[in-house]
Amino acid sequence: MPPLLSVLALLGGPAVPPAAAAQPLVAAYDLAAAELAVWWRPGDLMLVTPGTKGLEARRPLVDGDIHPAPATMGGWTRLDGACDPVDAVQVTFPLAGKSAVATVGGNAALPAVHVLREGVLVAQAPLGQPARPCAIHVGEADGVPGLELVVTWSLGSLHGVTVLRLPELAQ
């Protein structure tokens, strides 16, 4: 505590709360491919890419295996798609009973992801590579309690996905 604040505290002055620091978002998975389809359903995430024997599916938050892609995607929502020429994308979602906003954008050489709850920064992380953000989705993407941020992005002909976990302390 700075000396002046220490003196005020000793004299019965107003208490000054410590500044809160934003928590780091934890990288859970990252993938880039020329033809990538990102699919989500509550509690699950599937990444589909062309392979040597047809379309291959990965469920990276479940296991490290590669499986044949399902013939139909009933019950799944596609998260990627056309990447509009924007500098940042955002989504609003509930967090600990309050309104929160997750954004990705900023410097194209190293975009950053930020989570704000009622205007206060609670978590952040660099995206990890130069890219143009396409979309951000917040939800439960695996069986581990807690929210994940699924960021889709492009870099030239590559499409990518980065999955970040929202730390418990930020929730």
N, C-alpha and C. Protein backbone atom coordinates (compact mmCIF):
# COMPACT_ATOMS: atom_id res chain seq x y z
N MET A 1 0.86 -1.16 0.00
CA MET A 1 0.00 0.00 0.00
C MET A 1 0.91 1.23 0.00
N PRO A 2 0.65 2.23 -0.87
CA PRO A 2 1.46 3.44 -0.87
C PRO A 2 1.43 4.12 0.50
N PRO A 3 2.50 4.86 0.87
CA PRO A 3 2.60 5.45 2.19
C PRO A 3 1.41 6.33 2.56
N LEU A 4 0.93 7.18 1.64
CA LEU A 4 -0.18 8.07 1.97
C LEU A 4 -1.44 7.27 2.28
N LEU A 5 -1.68 6.20 1.52
CA LEU A 5 -2.86 5.38 1.79
C LEU A 5 -2.71 4.64 3.11
N SER A 6 -1.48 4.24 3.47
CA SER A 6 -1.25 3.58 4.75
C SER A 6 -1.59 4.52 5.89
N VAL A 7 -1.17 5.78 5.77
CA VAL A 7 -1.46 6.76 6.81
C VAL A 7 -2.96 7.00 6.91
N LEU A 8 -3.65 7.13 5.76
CA LEU A 8 -5.10 7.32 5.79
C LEU A 8 -5.80 6.14 6.44
N ALA A 9 -5.34 4.92 6.15
CA ALA A 9 -5.95 3.74 6.74
C ALA A 9 -5.75 3.74 8.25
N LEU A 10 -4.54 4.11 8.71
CA LEU A 10 -4.28 4.16 10.15
C LEU A 10 -5.11 5.22 10.85
N LEU A 11 -5.37 6.33 10.15
CA LEU A 11 -6.14 7.42 10.73
C LEU A 11 -7.64 7.20 10.61
N GLY A 12 -8.04 6.05 10.12
CA GLY A 12 -9.47 5.77 9.99
C GLY A 12 -10.06 6.33 8.71
N GLY A 13 -9.20 6.63 7.74
CA GLY A 13 -9.68 7.16 6.46
C GLY A 13 -10.37 6.08 5.65
N PRO A 14 -10.82 6.45 4.45
CA PRO A 14 -11.54 5.48 3.62
C PRO A 14 -10.62 4.33 3.20
N ALA A 15 -11.17 3.14 3.25
CA ALA A 15 -10.41 1.97 2.82
C ALA A 15 -10.36 1.95 1.30
N VAL A 16 -9.22 1.61 0.76
CA VAL A 16 -9.04 1.54 -0.68
C VAL A 16 -8.93 0.07 -1.06
N PRO A 17 -9.91 -0.44 -1.86
CA PRO A 17 -9.83 -1.85 -2.24
C PRO A 17 -8.67 -2.09 -3.19
N PRO A 18 -8.05 -3.26 -3.14
CA PRO A 18 -6.96 -3.56 -4.06
C PRO A 18 -7.49 -3.64 -5.49
N ALA A 19 -6.66 -3.30 -6.44
CA ALA A 19 -7.05 -3.37 -7.84
C ALA A 19 -7.16 -4.84 -8.25
N ALA A 20 -8.17 -5.14 -9.03
CA ALA A 20 -8.35 -6.51 -9.51
C ALA A 20 -7.62 -6.68 -10.83
N ALA A 21 -6.95 -7.78 -10.98
CA ALA A 21 -6.22 -8.07 -12.22
C ALA A 21 -7.05 -9.03 -13.07
N ALA A 22 -6.98 -8.86 -14.37
CA ALA A 22 -7.68 -9.76 -15.27
C ALA A 22 -6.98 -11.12 -15.25
N GLN A 23 -7.77 -12.18 -15.30
CA GLN A 23 -7.24 -13.54 -15.33
C GLN A 23 -6.81 -13.88 -16.76
N PRO A 24 -5.80 -14.70 -16.93
CA PRO A 24 -5.43 -15.12 -18.29
C PRO A 24 -6.40 -16.21 -18.77
N LEU A 25 -6.83 -16.09 -20.02
CA LEU A 25 -7.58 -17.17 -20.64
C LEU A 25 -6.59 -18.30 -20.94
N VAL A 26 -7.01 -19.53 -20.75
CA VAL A 26 -6.11 -20.67 -20.91
C VAL A 26 -6.37 -21.34 -22.26
N ALA A 27 -5.33 -21.45 -23.08
CA ALA A 27 -5.47 -22.10 -24.39
C ALA A 27 -5.71 -23.59 -24.20
N ALA A 28 -6.80 -24.10 -24.79
CA ALA A 28 -7.12 -25.52 -24.70
C ALA A 28 -6.82 -26.25 -26.00
N TYR A 29 -6.96 -25.56 -27.15
CA TYR A 29 -6.73 -26.22 -28.44
C TYR A 29 -6.60 -25.16 -29.51
N ASP A 30 -5.83 -25.50 -30.56
CA ASP A 30 -5.62 -24.59 -31.68
C ASP A 30 -5.39 -25.44 -32.92
N LEU A 31 -6.08 -25.11 -34.03
CA LEU A 31 -5.92 -25.86 -35.27
C LEU A 31 -6.14 -24.93 -36.45
N ALA A 32 -5.35 -25.09 -37.49
CA ALA A 32 -5.53 -24.36 -38.74
C ALA A 32 -5.48 -25.35 -39.89
N ALA A 33 -6.34 -25.15 -40.88
CA ALA A 33 -6.38 -26.01 -42.06
C ALA A 33 -7.00 -25.23 -43.21
N ALA A 34 -6.69 -25.65 -44.43
CA ALA A 34 -7.22 -24.96 -45.61
C ALA A 34 -8.74 -25.11 -45.68
N GLU A 35 -9.26 -26.26 -45.31
CA GLU A 35 -10.71 -26.50 -45.33
C GLU A 35 -11.11 -27.02 -43.96
N LEU A 36 -11.55 -26.13 -43.11
CA LEU A 36 -11.89 -26.48 -41.74
C LEU A 36 -13.34 -26.12 -41.48
N ALA A 37 -14.08 -27.05 -40.92
CA ALA A 37 -15.46 -26.80 -40.49
C ALA A 37 -15.51 -27.02 -38.98
N VAL A 38 -16.02 -26.04 -38.26
CA VAL A 38 -16.11 -26.09 -36.80
C VAL A 38 -17.57 -26.28 -36.41
N TRP A 39 -17.86 -27.35 -35.69
CA TRP A 39 -19.22 -27.68 -35.28
C TRP A 39 -19.30 -27.72 -33.76
N TRP A 40 -20.42 -27.23 -33.21
CA TRP A 40 -20.61 -27.18 -31.76
C TRP A 40 -22.01 -27.65 -31.42
N ARG A 41 -22.12 -28.31 -30.29
CA ARG A 41 -23.40 -28.59 -29.64
C ARG A 41 -23.10 -28.51 -28.15
N PRO A 42 -24.09 -28.26 -27.32
CA PRO A 42 -23.80 -28.09 -25.90
C PRO A 42 -22.95 -29.23 -25.34
N GLY A 43 -21.80 -28.87 -24.81
CA GLY A 43 -20.89 -29.83 -24.20
C GLY A 43 -19.95 -30.54 -25.16
N ASP A 44 -19.92 -30.14 -26.44
CA ASP A 44 -19.09 -30.86 -27.40
C ASP A 44 -18.65 -29.93 -28.53
N LEU A 45 -17.49 -30.20 -29.07
CA LEU A 45 -16.92 -29.45 -30.18
C LEU A 45 -16.31 -30.45 -31.15
N MET A 46 -16.62 -30.28 -32.46
CA MET A 46 -16.07 -31.18 -33.47
C MET A 46 -15.46 -30.35 -34.59
N LEU A 47 -14.26 -30.74 -35.02
CA LEU A 47 -13.56 -30.08 -36.11
C LEU A 47 -13.46 -31.07 -37.26
N VAL A 48 -13.91 -30.65 -38.45
CA VAL A 48 -13.93 -31.53 -39.61
C VAL A 48 -13.00 -30.97 -40.68
N THR A 49 -12.10 -31.82 -41.18
CA THR A 49 -11.16 -31.45 -42.24
C THR A 49 -11.11 -32.57 -43.27
N PRO A 50 -10.71 -32.25 -44.50
CA PRO A 50 -10.51 -33.32 -45.48
C PRO A 50 -9.32 -34.18 -45.07
N GLY A 51 -9.44 -35.47 -45.32
CA GLY A 51 -8.34 -36.39 -45.01
C GLY A 51 -8.09 -37.31 -46.19
N THR A 52 -7.21 -38.25 -46.03
CA THR A 52 -6.87 -39.17 -47.11
C THR A 52 -8.00 -40.14 -47.42
N LYS A 53 -8.88 -40.39 -46.46
CA LYS A 53 -10.00 -41.32 -46.66
C LYS A 53 -11.34 -40.62 -46.54
N GLY A 54 -11.42 -39.36 -46.94
CA GLY A 54 -12.66 -38.60 -46.82
C GLY A 54 -12.57 -37.59 -45.69
N LEU A 55 -13.71 -37.12 -45.24
CA LEU A 55 -13.72 -36.12 -44.17
C LEU A 55 -13.37 -36.75 -42.83
N GLU A 56 -12.47 -36.08 -42.11
CA GLU A 56 -12.04 -36.55 -40.80
C GLU A 56 -12.58 -35.62 -39.72
N ALA A 57 -12.96 -36.19 -38.60
CA ALA A 57 -13.50 -35.41 -37.48
C ALA A 57 -12.61 -35.58 -36.26
N ARG A 58 -12.38 -34.47 -35.60
CA ARG A 58 -11.65 -34.46 -34.33
C ARG A 58 -12.57 -33.88 -33.27
N ARG A 59 -12.55 -34.47 -32.10
CA ARG A 59 -13.23 -33.90 -30.94
C ARG A 59 -12.12 -33.63 -29.92
N PRO A 60 -11.37 -32.53 -30.13
CA PRO A 60 -10.12 -32.31 -29.40
C PRO A 60 -10.28 -32.14 -27.90
N LEU A 61 -11.45 -31.77 -27.43
CA LEU A 61 -11.63 -31.60 -25.99
C LEU A 61 -12.12 -32.89 -25.34
N VAL A 62 -12.32 -33.94 -26.16
CA VAL A 62 -12.74 -35.24 -25.65
C VAL A 62 -11.57 -36.22 -25.70
N ASP A 63 -10.95 -36.34 -26.89
CA ASP A 63 -9.82 -37.26 -27.05
C ASP A 63 -8.94 -36.74 -28.19
N GLY A 64 -7.82 -37.34 -28.40
CA GLY A 64 -6.91 -36.92 -29.46
C GLY A 64 -7.08 -37.71 -30.74
N ASP A 65 -8.11 -38.55 -30.82
CA ASP A 65 -8.30 -39.43 -31.96
C ASP A 65 -8.91 -38.72 -33.15
N ILE A 66 -8.66 -39.27 -34.34
CA ILE A 66 -9.30 -38.81 -35.57
C ILE A 66 -10.31 -39.88 -35.97
N HIS A 67 -11.56 -39.45 -36.24
CA HIS A 67 -12.64 -40.35 -36.58
C HIS A 67 -13.19 -39.97 -37.95
N PRO A 68 -13.87 -40.88 -38.64
CA PRO A 68 -14.59 -40.47 -39.84
C PRO A 68 -15.68 -39.47 -39.45
N ALA A 69 -15.90 -38.46 -40.27
CA ALA A 69 -16.93 -37.46 -39.98
C ALA A 69 -18.31 -38.10 -40.07
N PRO A 70 -19.24 -37.69 -39.22
CA PRO A 70 -20.60 -38.23 -39.31
C PRO A 70 -21.23 -37.90 -40.67
N ALA A 71 -22.12 -38.77 -41.13
CA ALA A 71 -22.79 -38.53 -42.41
C ALA A 71 -23.73 -37.33 -42.33
N THR A 72 -24.35 -37.12 -41.18
CA THR A 72 -25.22 -35.95 -41.00
C THR A 72 -24.80 -35.22 -39.74
N MET A 73 -25.10 -33.94 -39.68
CA MET A 73 -24.70 -33.13 -38.53
C MET A 73 -25.92 -32.65 -37.74
N GLY A 74 -26.96 -33.48 -37.69
CA GLY A 74 -28.16 -33.14 -36.93
C GLY A 74 -27.82 -32.86 -35.47
N GLY A 75 -28.33 -31.77 -34.94
CA GLY A 75 -28.07 -31.39 -33.56
C GLY A 75 -26.81 -30.56 -33.37
N TRP A 76 -26.02 -30.39 -34.43
CA TRP A 76 -24.79 -29.60 -34.37
C TRP A 76 -25.03 -28.23 -35.01
N THR A 77 -24.32 -27.21 -34.56
CA THR A 77 -24.36 -25.87 -35.13
C THR A 77 -22.99 -25.55 -35.70
N ARG A 78 -22.96 -25.09 -36.95
CA ARG A 78 -21.67 -24.74 -37.56
C ARG A 78 -21.26 -23.34 -37.09
N LEU A 79 -20.04 -23.23 -36.58
CA LEU A 79 -19.58 -21.96 -36.02
C LEU A 79 -18.77 -21.13 -36.99
N ASP A 80 -18.14 -21.76 -37.95
CA ASP A 80 -17.30 -21.00 -38.86
C ASP A 80 -18.11 -20.60 -40.09
N GLY A 81 -17.47 -20.23 -41.11
CA GLY A 81 -18.14 -19.81 -42.33
C GLY A 81 -17.41 -18.61 -42.90
N ALA A 82 -18.14 -17.78 -43.62
CA ALA A 82 -17.52 -16.61 -44.24
C ALA A 82 -16.97 -15.69 -43.16
N CYS A 83 -15.79 -15.18 -43.42
CA CYS A 83 -15.15 -14.26 -42.48
C CYS A 83 -15.30 -12.86 -43.04
N ASP A 84 -16.23 -12.11 -42.47
CA ASP A 84 -16.48 -10.74 -42.94
C ASP A 84 -15.24 -9.88 -42.71
N PRO A 85 -15.04 -8.89 -43.57
CA PRO A 85 -13.86 -8.03 -43.41
C PRO A 85 -14.04 -7.02 -42.27
N VAL A 86 -13.96 -7.52 -41.04
CA VAL A 86 -14.08 -6.65 -39.87
C VAL A 86 -12.80 -6.76 -39.04
N ASP A 87 -12.57 -5.78 -38.20
CA ASP A 87 -11.38 -5.78 -37.37
C ASP A 87 -11.58 -6.50 -36.04
N ALA A 88 -12.84 -6.64 -35.61
CA ALA A 88 -13.11 -7.28 -34.33
C ALA A 88 -14.51 -7.90 -34.36
N VAL A 89 -14.69 -8.95 -33.59
CA VAL A 89 -15.99 -9.58 -33.42
C VAL A 89 -16.27 -9.68 -31.93
N GLN A 90 -17.56 -9.74 -31.59
CA GLN A 90 -17.90 -9.84 -30.18
C GLN A 90 -19.20 -10.60 -29.99
N VAL A 91 -19.41 -11.07 -28.77
CA VAL A 91 -20.63 -11.76 -28.40
C VAL A 91 -20.95 -11.39 -26.95
N THR A 92 -22.24 -11.23 -26.66
CA THR A 92 -22.70 -10.94 -25.30
C THR A 92 -23.26 -12.24 -24.72
N PHE A 93 -22.96 -12.50 -23.45
CA PHE A 93 -23.40 -13.74 -22.81
C PHE A 93 -23.52 -13.50 -21.31
N PRO A 94 -24.30 -14.34 -20.59
CA PRO A 94 -24.39 -14.20 -19.14
C PRO A 94 -23.17 -14.82 -18.46
N LEU A 95 -22.65 -14.14 -17.45
CA LEU A 95 -21.50 -14.64 -16.69
C LEU A 95 -21.73 -14.31 -15.23
N ALA A 96 -21.88 -15.33 -14.42
CA ALA A 96 -22.12 -15.18 -12.99
C ALA A 96 -23.32 -14.26 -12.73
N GLY A 97 -24.37 -14.46 -13.53
CA GLY A 97 -25.60 -13.70 -13.33
C GLY A 97 -25.56 -12.26 -13.83
N LYS A 98 -24.49 -11.89 -14.50
CA LYS A 98 -24.35 -10.53 -15.02
C LYS A 98 -24.04 -10.59 -16.50
N SER A 99 -24.24 -9.48 -17.18
CA SER A 99 -23.97 -9.41 -18.61
C SER A 99 -22.46 -9.30 -18.85
N ALA A 100 -21.97 -10.07 -19.81
CA ALA A 100 -20.55 -10.05 -20.16
C ALA A 100 -20.43 -9.96 -21.67
N VAL A 101 -19.27 -9.47 -22.12
CA VAL A 101 -18.98 -9.36 -23.54
C VAL A 101 -17.60 -9.97 -23.79
N ALA A 102 -17.52 -10.84 -24.79
CA ALA A 102 -16.24 -11.39 -25.23
C ALA A 102 -15.95 -10.80 -26.60
N THR A 103 -14.74 -10.27 -26.78
CA THR A 103 -14.33 -9.70 -28.06
C THR A 103 -13.00 -10.29 -28.48
N VAL A 104 -12.77 -10.30 -29.79
CA VAL A 104 -11.46 -10.66 -30.32
C VAL A 104 -11.18 -9.69 -31.45
N GLY A 105 -10.00 -9.15 -31.45
CA GLY A 105 -9.63 -8.18 -32.47
C GLY A 105 -8.43 -7.39 -32.03
N GLY A 106 -8.34 -6.18 -32.55
CA GLY A 106 -7.21 -5.32 -32.21
C GLY A 106 -6.15 -5.40 -33.27
N ASN A 107 -4.93 -5.51 -32.87
CA ASN A 107 -3.78 -5.56 -33.76
C ASN A 107 -3.84 -6.83 -34.62
N ALA A 108 -3.88 -6.67 -35.96
CA ALA A 108 -3.97 -7.83 -36.86
C ALA A 108 -2.75 -8.73 -36.76
N ALA A 109 -1.60 -8.18 -36.36
CA ALA A 109 -0.39 -8.99 -36.22
C ALA A 109 -0.48 -9.93 -35.03
N LEU A 110 -1.22 -9.56 -34.01
CA LEU A 110 -1.41 -10.40 -32.84
C LEU A 110 -2.72 -10.01 -32.16
N PRO A 111 -3.85 -10.49 -32.68
CA PRO A 111 -5.14 -10.14 -32.08
C PRO A 111 -5.25 -10.66 -30.65
N ALA A 112 -6.10 -10.02 -29.88
CA ALA A 112 -6.29 -10.41 -28.49
C ALA A 112 -7.76 -10.67 -28.20
N VAL A 113 -8.00 -11.54 -27.23
CA VAL A 113 -9.34 -11.88 -26.78
C VAL A 113 -9.53 -11.25 -25.40
N HIS A 114 -10.65 -10.56 -25.21
CA HIS A 114 -10.95 -9.91 -23.94
C HIS A 114 -12.35 -10.31 -23.48
N VAL A 115 -12.52 -10.49 -22.18
CA VAL A 115 -13.83 -10.75 -21.59
C VAL A 115 -14.07 -9.67 -20.55
N LEU A 116 -15.17 -8.94 -20.74
CA LEU A 116 -15.55 -7.89 -19.80
C LEU A 116 -16.90 -8.24 -19.19
N ARG A 117 -17.01 -8.11 -17.87
CA ARG A 117 -18.28 -8.30 -17.17
C ARG A 117 -18.70 -6.95 -16.62
N GLU A 118 -19.83 -6.47 -17.09
CA GLU A 118 -20.33 -5.14 -16.72
C GLU A 118 -19.25 -4.08 -16.92
N GLY A 119 -18.52 -4.17 -18.02
CA GLY A 119 -17.52 -3.17 -18.37
C GLY A 119 -16.17 -3.34 -17.71
N VAL A 120 -16.00 -4.33 -16.85
CA VAL A 120 -14.73 -4.55 -16.16
C VAL A 120 -14.03 -5.76 -16.80
N LEU A 121 -12.77 -5.57 -17.18
CA LEU A 121 -11.99 -6.65 -17.77
C LEU A 121 -11.75 -7.74 -16.74
N VAL A 122 -12.21 -8.98 -17.05
CA VAL A 122 -12.04 -10.09 -16.10
C VAL A 122 -11.09 -11.17 -16.62
N ALA A 123 -10.89 -11.22 -17.96
CA ALA A 123 -9.98 -12.22 -18.52
C ALA A 123 -9.51 -11.75 -19.89
N GLN A 124 -8.30 -12.19 -20.27
CA GLN A 124 -7.75 -11.80 -21.56
C GLN A 124 -6.62 -12.74 -21.97
N ALA A 125 -6.34 -12.75 -23.27
CA ALA A 125 -5.21 -13.54 -23.80
C ALA A 125 -4.98 -13.14 -25.24
N PRO A 126 -3.73 -13.24 -25.70
CA PRO A 126 -3.50 -13.06 -27.14
C PRO A 126 -4.07 -14.28 -27.87
N LEU A 127 -4.51 -14.07 -29.12
CA LEU A 127 -5.04 -15.18 -29.90
C LEU A 127 -3.95 -16.21 -30.19
N GLY A 128 -2.71 -15.75 -30.36
CA GLY A 128 -1.60 -16.69 -30.52
C GLY A 128 -0.96 -16.66 -31.89
N GLN A 129 -1.58 -16.04 -32.86
CA GLN A 129 -1.01 -15.93 -34.20
C GLN A 129 -1.66 -14.76 -34.92
N PRO A 130 -0.98 -14.22 -35.93
CA PRO A 130 -1.62 -13.17 -36.72
C PRO A 130 -2.83 -13.77 -37.43
N ALA A 131 -3.95 -13.08 -37.40
CA ALA A 131 -5.16 -13.62 -38.01
C ALA A 131 -6.24 -12.55 -38.08
N ARG A 132 -7.23 -12.80 -38.93
CA ARG A 132 -8.42 -11.95 -38.98
C ARG A 132 -9.53 -12.69 -38.26
N PRO A 133 -10.08 -12.14 -37.19
CA PRO A 133 -11.13 -12.85 -36.46
C PRO A 133 -12.39 -12.98 -37.31
N CYS A 134 -13.03 -14.14 -37.22
CA CYS A 134 -14.28 -14.38 -37.96
C CYS A 134 -15.47 -14.40 -37.03
N ALA A 135 -15.36 -15.13 -35.93
CA ALA A 135 -16.47 -15.25 -34.99
C ALA A 135 -15.94 -15.68 -33.64
N ILE A 136 -16.74 -15.40 -32.62
CA ILE A 136 -16.43 -15.88 -31.28
C ILE A 136 -17.72 -16.45 -30.69
N HIS A 137 -17.60 -17.61 -30.08
CA HIS A 137 -18.74 -18.29 -29.48
C HIS A 137 -18.36 -18.63 -28.04
N VAL A 138 -19.27 -18.40 -27.12
CA VAL A 138 -19.02 -18.72 -25.71
C VAL A 138 -20.05 -19.75 -25.27
N GLY A 139 -19.58 -20.83 -24.70
CA GLY A 139 -20.48 -21.87 -24.21
C GLY A 139 -19.69 -23.02 -23.63
N GLU A 140 -20.41 -24.04 -23.26
CA GLU A 140 -19.80 -25.26 -22.72
C GLU A 140 -19.43 -26.13 -23.91
N ALA A 141 -18.13 -26.34 -24.12
CA ALA A 141 -17.66 -27.10 -25.29
C ALA A 141 -17.04 -28.44 -24.93
N ASP A 142 -17.11 -28.81 -23.65
CA ASP A 142 -16.56 -30.10 -23.23
C ASP A 142 -17.25 -30.54 -21.95
N GLY A 143 -16.79 -31.62 -21.37
CA GLY A 143 -17.39 -32.14 -20.15
C GLY A 143 -16.85 -31.52 -18.88
N VAL A 144 -15.86 -30.64 -19.00
CA VAL A 144 -15.27 -29.99 -17.83
C VAL A 144 -16.12 -28.77 -17.47
N PRO A 145 -16.53 -28.62 -16.21
CA PRO A 145 -17.33 -27.45 -15.85
C PRO A 145 -16.61 -26.14 -16.19
N GLY A 146 -17.34 -25.20 -16.68
CA GLY A 146 -16.78 -23.90 -17.03
C GLY A 146 -16.98 -23.60 -18.51
N LEU A 147 -16.89 -22.33 -18.84
CA LEU A 147 -17.13 -21.89 -20.20
C LEU A 147 -15.87 -21.91 -21.04
N GLU A 148 -16.06 -22.15 -22.34
CA GLU A 148 -14.99 -22.04 -23.31
C GLU A 148 -15.34 -20.95 -24.31
N LEU A 149 -14.31 -20.30 -24.82
CA LEU A 149 -14.46 -19.33 -25.90
C LEU A 149 -13.89 -20.00 -27.15
N VAL A 150 -14.72 -20.15 -28.16
CA VAL A 150 -14.30 -20.77 -29.42
C VAL A 150 -14.19 -19.64 -30.43
N VAL A 151 -12.96 -19.37 -30.86
CA VAL A 151 -12.69 -18.27 -31.78
C VAL A 151 -12.33 -18.87 -33.14
N THR A 152 -13.08 -18.49 -34.17
CA THR A 152 -12.71 -18.89 -35.52
C THR A 152 -12.04 -17.70 -36.19
N TRP A 153 -11.06 -17.99 -37.06
CA TRP A 153 -10.26 -16.93 -37.66
C TRP A 153 -9.73 -17.40 -39.01
N SER A 154 -9.20 -16.45 -39.78
CA SER A 154 -8.59 -16.81 -41.06
C SER A 154 -7.26 -16.11 -41.19
N LEU A 155 -6.41 -16.72 -41.97
CA LEU A 155 -5.10 -16.17 -42.28
C LEU A 155 -4.80 -16.59 -43.71
N GLY A 156 -5.10 -15.71 -44.66
CA GLY A 156 -4.97 -16.06 -46.07
C GLY A 156 -5.95 -17.17 -46.41
N SER A 157 -5.45 -18.28 -46.96
CA SER A 157 -6.32 -19.40 -47.33
C SER A 157 -6.57 -20.36 -46.17
N LEU A 158 -5.92 -20.14 -45.05
CA LEU A 158 -6.12 -21.00 -43.88
C LEU A 158 -7.30 -20.52 -43.04
N HIS A 159 -8.04 -21.47 -42.50
CA HIS A 159 -9.09 -21.18 -41.52
C HIS A 159 -8.64 -21.85 -40.23
N GLY A 160 -8.91 -21.20 -39.13
CA GLY A 160 -8.45 -21.75 -37.87
C GLY A 160 -9.47 -21.63 -36.77
N VAL A 161 -9.20 -22.35 -35.71
CA VAL A 161 -10.02 -22.28 -34.51
C VAL A 161 -9.08 -22.31 -33.31
N THR A 162 -9.37 -21.47 -32.35
CA THR A 162 -8.65 -21.46 -31.08
C THR A 162 -9.68 -21.57 -29.97
N VAL A 163 -9.47 -22.52 -29.08
CA VAL A 163 -10.38 -22.72 -27.95
C VAL A 163 -9.66 -22.25 -26.69
N LEU A 164 -10.31 -21.35 -25.97
CA LEU A 164 -9.75 -20.80 -24.73
C LEU A 164 -10.71 -21.11 -23.58
N ARG A 165 -10.17 -21.48 -22.45
CA ARG A 165 -11.01 -21.74 -21.27
C ARG A 165 -11.08 -20.46 -20.43
N LEU A 166 -12.27 -20.15 -19.96
CA LEU A 166 -12.46 -19.02 -19.07
C LEU A 166 -12.17 -19.51 -17.65
N PRO A 167 -11.12 -18.96 -17.01
CA PRO A 167 -10.76 -19.46 -15.67
C PRO A 167 -11.87 -19.26 -14.66
N GLU A 168 -11.93 -20.15 -13.69
CA GLU A 168 -12.98 -20.10 -12.67
C GLU A 168 -12.98 -18.78 -11.93
N LEU A 169 -11.79 -18.22 -11.68
CA LEU A 169 -11.72 -16.96 -10.94
C LEU A 169 -12.35 -15.79 -11.70
N ALA A 170 -12.42 -15.90 -13.03
CA ALA A 170 -13.03 -14.84 -13.83
C ALA A 170 -14.55 -14.98 -13.86
N GLN A 171 -15.04 -16.12 -13.41
CA GLN A 171 -16.48 -16.35 -13.44
C GLN A 171 -17.09 -15.99 -12.12
